[in-house]
């Protein structure tokens, strides 16, 4: 591969990786927004709701309702944890892409400098 072809390849890869980073950042932002919405619109109200204050819930039904609520809260928490793990993984990927871009930019600068010195 000629220096010119290598430089073109590096430029293409840098653009490609920047596109991936942009898409991944958008995905993280979306997941964060959904997590916040679930927390505020579902998880917190479910936790705060006092089943026993409804008056008609007594004894076994109250206990069963409380158990179901706890199951829902646990399911929401598990989903929130998975979303956090996803975001963490994506952030690691973004970091690796930035590192790769830096490597490519460094190589590209070296090739451009060599090209300038040779007059081509």
Protein backbone atom coordinates (compact mmCIF):
# COMPACT_ATOMS: atom_id res chain seq x y z
CA UNK A 1 0.00 0.00 0.00
CA UNK A 2 1.41 3.38 -0.99
CA UNK A 3 1.70 6.23 1.51
CA UNK A 4 -1.09 8.06 -0.30
CA UNK A 5 -3.38 5.02 -0.05
CA UNK A 6 -2.48 4.55 3.61
CA UNK A 7 -3.25 8.20 4.34
CA UNK A 8 -6.61 7.91 2.61
CA UNK A 9 -7.35 4.73 4.55
CA UNK A 10 -6.48 6.46 7.86
CA UNK A 11 -8.69 9.46 7.05
CA UNK A 12 -11.58 7.13 6.20
CA UNK A 13 -11.11 5.16 9.42
CA UNK A 14 -10.98 8.35 11.51
CA UNK A 15 -14.25 9.54 9.93
CA UNK A 16 -15.82 6.10 10.40
CA UNK A 17 -14.83 5.93 14.07
CA UNK A 18 -16.05 9.45 14.73
CA UNK A 19 -19.40 8.40 13.24
CA UNK A 20 -19.50 5.38 15.57
CA UNK A 21 -18.71 7.62 18.55
CA UNK A 22 -21.54 9.96 17.62
CA UNK A 23 -24.02 7.10 17.32
CA UNK A 24 -22.88 5.55 20.60
CA UNK A 25 -23.15 8.87 22.43
CA UNK A 26 -26.70 9.27 21.11
CA UNK A 27 -27.55 5.76 22.32
CA UNK A 28 -26.18 6.52 25.79
CA UNK A 29 -28.13 9.75 25.97
CA UNK A 30 -31.32 7.94 24.97
CA UNK A 31 -30.80 5.18 27.54
CA UNK A 32 -30.06 7.77 30.24
CA UNK A 33 -33.24 9.65 29.38
CA UNK A 34 -35.32 6.47 29.53
CA UNK A 35 -33.71 5.48 32.83
CA UNK A 36 -34.54 8.86 34.35
CA UNK A 37 -38.10 8.66 33.04
CA UNK A 38 -38.59 5.16 34.46
CA UNK A 39 -37.17 6.26 37.80
CA UNK A 40 -39.35 9.36 38.09
CA UNK A 41 -42.56 8.06 36.49
CA UNK A 42 -42.56 4.48 37.76
CA UNK A 43 -40.00 3.41 40.32
CA UNK A 44 -40.34 6.27 42.79
CA UNK A 45 -44.17 6.40 42.75
CA UNK A 46 -44.37 2.64 43.23
CA UNK A 47 -41.97 2.80 46.18
CA UNK A 48 -43.90 5.67 47.80
CA UNK A 49 -47.38 4.19 47.38
CA UNK A 50 -48.69 2.90 50.69
CA UNK A 51 -50.92 -0.05 49.93
CA UNK A 52 -52.23 -0.29 53.49
CA UNK A 53 -53.60 3.25 53.35
CA UNK A 54 -56.14 2.24 50.70
CA UNK A 55 -58.39 0.94 53.46
CA UNK A 56 -59.88 -1.97 51.54
CA UNK A 57 -56.61 -3.88 51.47
CA UNK A 58 -56.42 -6.09 54.50
CA UNK A 59 -54.55 -9.14 55.60
CA UNK A 60 -53.51 -11.56 52.89
CA UNK A 61 -54.40 -9.29 49.96
CA UNK A 62 -52.31 -6.51 51.43
CA UNK A 63 -49.34 -8.85 51.88
CA UNK A 64 -49.71 -10.17 48.33
CA UNK A 65 -49.95 -6.65 46.95
CA UNK A 66 -46.85 -5.65 48.89
CA UNK A 67 -44.99 -8.70 47.53
CA UNK A 68 -46.00 -7.80 43.96
CA UNK A 69 -44.88 -4.22 44.47
CA UNK A 70 -41.51 -5.43 45.76
CA UNK A 71 -41.20 -7.71 42.71
CA UNK A 72 -41.88 -4.74 40.42
CA UNK A 73 -39.36 -2.54 42.23
CA UNK A 74 -36.75 -5.32 42.01
CA UNK A 75 -37.43 -5.81 38.30
CA UNK A 76 -37.09 -2.09 37.66
CA UNK A 77 -33.84 -2.02 39.65
CA UNK A 78 -32.48 -4.97 37.65
CA UNK A 79 -33.34 -3.20 34.40
CA UNK A 80 -31.73 0.00 35.66
CA UNK A 81 -28.57 -1.94 36.54
CA UNK A 82 -28.45 -3.51 33.08
CA UNK A 83 -28.83 -0.06 31.55
CA UNK A 84 -25.97 1.21 33.72
CA UNK A 85 -23.80 -1.69 32.62
CA UNK A 86 -24.66 -0.99 28.99
CA UNK A 87 -23.73 2.68 29.36
CA UNK A 88 -20.45 1.77 31.07
CA UNK A 89 -19.58 -0.69 28.29
CA UNK A 90 -20.42 1.87 25.61
CA UNK A 91 -18.28 4.50 27.34
CA UNK A 92 -15.36 2.04 27.34
CA UNK A 93 -15.87 1.43 23.63
CA UNK A 94 -15.97 5.17 22.97
CA UNK A 95 -12.73 5.59 24.91
CA UNK A 96 -11.06 2.85 22.84
CA UNK A 97 -12.30 4.46 19.63
CA UNK A 98 -10.83 7.81 20.74
CA UNK A 99 -7.51 6.08 21.43
CA UNK A 100 -7.57 4.45 18.00
CA UNK A 101 -8.36 7.80 16.38
CA UNK A 102 -5.38 9.33 18.18
CA UNK A 103 -3.15 6.52 16.89
CA UNK A 104 -4.44 7.00 13.35
CA UNK A 105 -4.03 10.78 13.54
CA UNK A 106 -0.46 10.37 14.78
CA UNK A 107 0.37 7.98 11.95
CA UNK A 108 -1.35 10.29 9.46
CA UNK A 109 0.68 13.27 10.71
CA UNK A 110 3.88 11.28 10.32
CA UNK A 111 2.96 10.26 6.78
CA UNK A 112 2.00 13.84 5.88
CA UNK A 113 5.30 15.14 7.30
CA UNK A 114 7.24 12.55 5.32
CA UNK A 115 5.30 13.49 2.21
CA UNK A 116 6.01 17.20 2.75
CA UNK A 117 9.73 16.46 3.18
CA UNK A 118 9.86 14.40 0.01
CA UNK A 119 7.96 17.02 -1.98
CA UNK A 120 5.14 14.73 -3.14
